[in-house]
Amino acid sequence: MASRRTVREYRELLSAAAPDNLPRLIAEISNDDRAGVLSALRGAERRLSRHRTEVARIERLYALEEGLRAEKGLRSAGVDEVGRGAL
């Protein structure tokens, strides 16, 4: 029988994983019923949800920018510590 990873190893693996790898890892680990692993999975799922929410927010902002550019020829220029904006 192959040994499975410790809860700590799963926590470290999930916390170090890039968001694009989380769905695969979550699926692979989801059959482990140890409380610590389940807790780590919930944390990874929350992290993935926040990441997807942020990606959707940024996509909406770019769509708005593209719409303004197409409709009115407006362009944004400049990036500072606060973000993007018109000059």
N, C-alpha and C. Protein backbone atom coordinates (compact mmCIF):
# COMPACT_ATOMS: atom_id res chain seq x y z
N MET A 1 0.84 -1.18 0.00
CA MET A 1 0.00 0.00 0.00
C MET A 1 0.89 1.25 0.00
N ALA A 2 0.59 2.17 -0.86
CA ALA A 2 1.36 3.42 -0.93
C ALA A 2 0.99 4.31 0.24
N SER A 3 1.99 4.96 0.81
CA SER A 3 1.69 5.85 1.93
C SER A 3 1.15 7.17 1.41
N ARG A 4 0.22 7.71 2.15
CA ARG A 4 -0.32 8.99 1.73
C ARG A 4 0.42 10.10 2.47
N ARG A 5 0.27 11.30 1.99
CA ARG A 5 0.95 12.45 2.57
C ARG A 5 0.35 12.79 3.92
N THR A 6 1.14 13.49 4.70
CA THR A 6 0.65 13.95 6.00
C THR A 6 -0.26 15.16 5.78
N VAL A 7 -1.02 15.50 6.79
CA VAL A 7 -1.88 16.68 6.72
C VAL A 7 -1.03 17.92 6.47
N ARG A 8 0.08 18.00 7.15
CA ARG A 8 0.98 19.14 6.97
C ARG A 8 1.47 19.25 5.53
N GLU A 9 1.84 18.12 4.94
CA GLU A 9 2.30 18.13 3.55
C GLU A 9 1.19 18.62 2.61
N TYR A 10 -0.05 18.17 2.86
CA TYR A 10 -1.16 18.63 2.03
C TYR A 10 -1.39 20.13 2.21
N ARG A 11 -1.32 20.60 3.45
CA ARG A 11 -1.49 22.04 3.70
C ARG A 11 -0.44 22.84 2.94
N GLU A 12 0.80 22.42 3.01
CA GLU A 12 1.89 23.12 2.32
C GLU A 12 1.72 23.05 0.81
N LEU A 13 1.33 21.90 0.31
CA LEU A 13 1.12 21.73 -1.13
C LEU A 13 0.02 22.66 -1.63
N LEU A 14 -1.09 22.70 -0.91
CA LEU A 14 -2.22 23.53 -1.32
C LEU A 14 -1.89 25.02 -1.20
N SER A 15 -1.19 25.40 -0.14
CA SER A 15 -0.90 26.82 0.04
C SER A 15 0.14 27.32 -0.95
N ALA A 16 1.01 26.45 -1.44
CA ALA A 16 2.04 26.86 -2.39
C ALA A 16 1.58 26.76 -3.84
N ALA A 17 0.46 26.12 -4.06
CA ALA A 17 -0.01 25.88 -5.43
C ALA A 17 -0.49 27.16 -6.10
N ALA A 18 -0.19 27.27 -7.37
CA ALA A 18 -0.72 28.38 -8.18
C ALA A 18 -2.23 28.16 -8.33
N PRO A 19 -2.99 29.25 -8.40
CA PRO A 19 -4.45 29.11 -8.53
C PRO A 19 -4.89 28.21 -9.67
N ASP A 20 -4.16 28.22 -10.78
CA ASP A 20 -4.53 27.36 -11.91
C ASP A 20 -4.39 25.87 -11.59
N ASN A 21 -3.57 25.53 -10.62
CA ASN A 21 -3.37 24.13 -10.25
C ASN A 21 -4.32 23.66 -9.14
N LEU A 22 -4.97 24.59 -8.48
CA LEU A 22 -5.82 24.22 -7.34
C LEU A 22 -6.98 23.29 -7.70
N PRO A 23 -7.71 23.50 -8.79
CA PRO A 23 -8.82 22.58 -9.07
C PRO A 23 -8.37 21.11 -9.18
N ARG A 24 -7.25 20.89 -9.83
CA ARG A 24 -6.73 19.52 -9.97
C ARG A 24 -6.33 18.95 -8.62
N LEU A 25 -5.61 19.75 -7.83
CA LEU A 25 -5.18 19.28 -6.51
C LEU A 25 -6.37 19.02 -5.60
N ILE A 26 -7.34 19.91 -5.62
CA ILE A 26 -8.53 19.73 -4.79
C ILE A 26 -9.23 18.42 -5.16
N ALA A 27 -9.35 18.16 -6.46
CA ALA A 27 -9.99 16.92 -6.92
C ALA A 27 -9.20 15.69 -6.47
N GLU A 28 -7.88 15.77 -6.56
CA GLU A 28 -7.03 14.63 -6.18
C GLU A 28 -7.10 14.34 -4.69
N ILE A 29 -7.22 15.37 -3.88
CA ILE A 29 -7.15 15.22 -2.43
C ILE A 29 -8.52 15.05 -1.80
N SER A 30 -9.58 15.34 -2.51
CA SER A 30 -10.92 15.42 -1.92
C SER A 30 -11.42 14.10 -1.31
N ASN A 31 -10.82 13.00 -1.63
CA ASN A 31 -11.26 11.72 -1.06
C ASN A 31 -10.67 11.45 0.32
N ASP A 32 -9.73 12.27 0.75
CA ASP A 32 -9.12 12.10 2.06
C ASP A 32 -10.06 12.68 3.11
N ASP A 33 -10.47 11.87 4.06
CA ASP A 33 -11.49 12.31 5.02
C ASP A 33 -10.93 12.79 6.36
N ARG A 34 -9.62 12.98 6.45
CA ARG A 34 -9.05 13.49 7.69
C ARG A 34 -9.46 14.95 7.89
N ALA A 35 -9.78 15.29 9.13
CA ALA A 35 -10.28 16.63 9.44
C ALA A 35 -9.30 17.72 9.00
N GLY A 36 -8.03 17.52 9.23
CA GLY A 36 -7.03 18.51 8.86
C GLY A 36 -6.94 18.71 7.35
N VAL A 37 -7.08 17.63 6.61
CA VAL A 37 -7.06 17.72 5.15
C VAL A 37 -8.31 18.42 4.66
N LEU A 38 -9.45 18.08 5.25
CA LEU A 38 -10.70 18.74 4.86
C LEU A 38 -10.64 20.24 5.13
N SER A 39 -10.04 20.61 6.24
CA SER A 39 -9.87 22.02 6.57
C SER A 39 -8.97 22.71 5.54
N ALA A 40 -7.89 22.06 5.17
CA ALA A 40 -6.98 22.61 4.16
C ALA A 40 -7.67 22.73 2.81
N LEU A 41 -8.52 21.76 2.48
CA LEU A 41 -9.27 21.82 1.23
C LEU A 41 -10.24 23.00 1.23
N ARG A 42 -10.92 23.22 2.36
CA ARG A 42 -11.85 24.36 2.45
C ARG A 42 -11.09 25.68 2.25
N GLY A 43 -9.91 25.78 2.86
CA GLY A 43 -9.09 26.97 2.68
C GLY A 43 -8.68 27.16 1.22
N ALA A 44 -8.30 26.07 0.57
CA ALA A 44 -7.90 26.14 -0.84
C ALA A 44 -9.08 26.52 -1.71
N GLU A 45 -10.26 26.00 -1.39
CA GLU A 45 -11.46 26.36 -2.16
C GLU A 45 -11.81 27.83 -1.98
N ARG A 46 -11.65 28.37 -0.77
CA ARG A 46 -11.90 29.80 -0.54
C ARG A 46 -10.89 30.64 -1.33
N ARG A 47 -9.63 30.21 -1.31
CA ARG A 47 -8.59 30.93 -2.05
C ARG A 47 -8.89 30.93 -3.55
N LEU A 48 -9.31 29.78 -4.06
CA LEU A 48 -9.65 29.66 -5.47
C LEU A 48 -10.86 30.54 -5.81
N SER A 49 -11.83 30.57 -4.94
CA SER A 49 -13.02 31.41 -5.15
C SER A 49 -12.64 32.89 -5.19
N ARG A 50 -11.80 33.33 -4.25
CA ARG A 50 -11.34 34.72 -4.24
C ARG A 50 -10.56 35.05 -5.51
N HIS A 51 -9.74 34.11 -5.95
CA HIS A 51 -8.96 34.32 -7.18
C HIS A 51 -9.90 34.47 -8.38
N ARG A 52 -10.87 33.59 -8.49
CA ARG A 52 -11.82 33.66 -9.61
C ARG A 52 -12.62 34.96 -9.58
N THR A 53 -13.00 35.40 -8.39
CA THR A 53 -13.72 36.66 -8.25
C THR A 53 -12.87 37.83 -8.72
N GLU A 54 -11.60 37.82 -8.35
CA GLU A 54 -10.70 38.90 -8.76
C GLU A 54 -10.46 38.87 -10.27
N VAL A 55 -10.30 37.69 -10.85
CA VAL A 55 -10.11 37.59 -12.29
C VAL A 55 -11.34 38.14 -13.01
N ALA A 56 -12.52 37.80 -12.53
CA ALA A 56 -13.76 38.30 -13.14
C ALA A 56 -13.84 39.82 -13.02
N ARG A 57 -13.45 40.36 -11.87
CA ARG A 57 -13.47 41.82 -11.67
C ARG A 57 -12.55 42.52 -12.66
N ILE A 58 -11.35 41.99 -12.83
CA ILE A 58 -10.39 42.58 -13.75
C ILE A 58 -10.88 42.47 -15.19
N GLU A 59 -11.49 41.34 -15.54
CA GLU A 59 -12.04 41.18 -16.89
C GLU A 59 -13.14 42.20 -17.16
N ARG A 60 -13.98 42.48 -16.15
CA ARG A 60 -15.02 43.50 -16.31
C ARG A 60 -14.40 44.88 -16.51
N LEU A 61 -13.35 45.18 -15.77
CA LEU A 61 -12.68 46.47 -15.94
C LEU A 61 -12.08 46.62 -17.33
N TYR A 62 -11.44 45.57 -17.82
CA TYR A 62 -10.89 45.63 -19.17
C TYR A 62 -11.99 45.75 -20.21
N ALA A 63 -13.11 45.07 -20.00
CA ALA A 63 -14.23 45.18 -20.94
C ALA A 63 -14.78 46.61 -20.94
N LEU A 64 -14.88 47.23 -19.78
CA LEU A 64 -15.32 48.62 -19.70
C LEU A 64 -14.35 49.53 -20.44
N GLU A 65 -13.08 49.33 -20.21
CA GLU A 65 -12.06 50.13 -20.89
C GLU A 65 -12.15 49.96 -22.40
N GLU A 66 -12.28 48.72 -22.86
CA GLU A 66 -12.39 48.47 -24.29
C GLU A 66 -13.65 49.09 -24.86
N GLY A 67 -14.75 49.03 -24.11
CA GLY A 67 -16.01 49.64 -24.56
C GLY A 67 -15.87 51.14 -24.71
N LEU A 68 -15.25 51.80 -23.76
CA LEU A 68 -15.02 53.25 -23.85
C LEU A 68 -14.11 53.59 -25.02
N ARG A 69 -13.13 52.76 -25.23
CA ARG A 69 -12.20 53.00 -26.35
C ARG A 69 -12.94 52.88 -27.68
N ALA A 70 -13.76 51.85 -27.80
CA ALA A 70 -14.49 51.63 -29.05
C ALA A 70 -15.57 52.69 -29.27
N GLU A 71 -16.26 53.07 -28.20
CA GLU A 71 -17.38 54.01 -28.30
C GLU A 71 -16.93 55.45 -28.46
N LYS A 72 -15.95 55.85 -27.68
CA LYS A 72 -15.58 57.27 -27.64
C LYS A 72 -14.12 57.53 -27.96
N GLY A 73 -13.40 56.49 -28.26
CA GLY A 73 -11.99 56.69 -28.56
C GLY A 73 -11.15 57.04 -27.35
N LEU A 74 -11.68 56.80 -26.16
CA LEU A 74 -10.94 57.12 -24.93
C LEU A 74 -9.88 56.07 -24.67
N ARG A 75 -8.77 56.52 -24.18
CA ARG A 75 -7.70 55.61 -23.81
C ARG A 75 -7.24 55.94 -22.40
N SER A 76 -6.88 54.93 -21.67
CA SER A 76 -6.30 55.18 -20.35
C SER A 76 -4.79 55.12 -20.51
N ALA A 77 -4.13 55.93 -19.72
CA ALA A 77 -2.67 55.96 -19.80
C ALA A 77 -2.12 56.19 -18.41
N GLY A 78 -1.06 55.54 -18.12
CA GLY A 78 -0.39 55.77 -16.85
C GLY A 78 -0.78 54.76 -15.78
N VAL A 79 0.20 54.38 -15.03
CA VAL A 79 0.00 53.47 -13.91
C VAL A 79 0.82 54.03 -12.76
N ASP A 80 0.20 54.15 -11.61
CA ASP A 80 0.95 54.59 -10.42
C ASP A 80 0.65 53.63 -9.28
N GLU A 81 1.00 54.02 -8.07
CA GLU A 81 0.82 53.12 -6.94
C GLU A 81 -0.64 52.84 -6.63
N VAL A 82 -1.56 53.65 -7.16
CA VAL A 82 -2.99 53.45 -6.94
C VAL A 82 -3.58 52.56 -8.02
N GLY A 83 -3.09 52.67 -9.23
CA GLY A 83 -3.62 51.85 -10.31
C GLY A 83 -3.56 52.59 -11.63
N ARG A 84 -4.47 52.23 -12.52
CA ARG A 84 -4.52 52.81 -13.86
C ARG A 84 -5.45 54.01 -13.86
N GLY A 85 -5.25 54.87 -14.83
CA GLY A 85 -6.16 55.99 -14.94
C GLY A 85 -5.82 56.88 -16.11
N ALA A 86 -6.77 57.70 -16.44
CA ALA A 86 -6.57 58.65 -17.54
C ALA A 86 -5.67 59.78 -17.08
N LEU A 87 -4.88 60.27 -17.98
CA LEU A 87 -4.02 61.43 -17.69
C LEU A 87 -4.61 62.66 -18.33
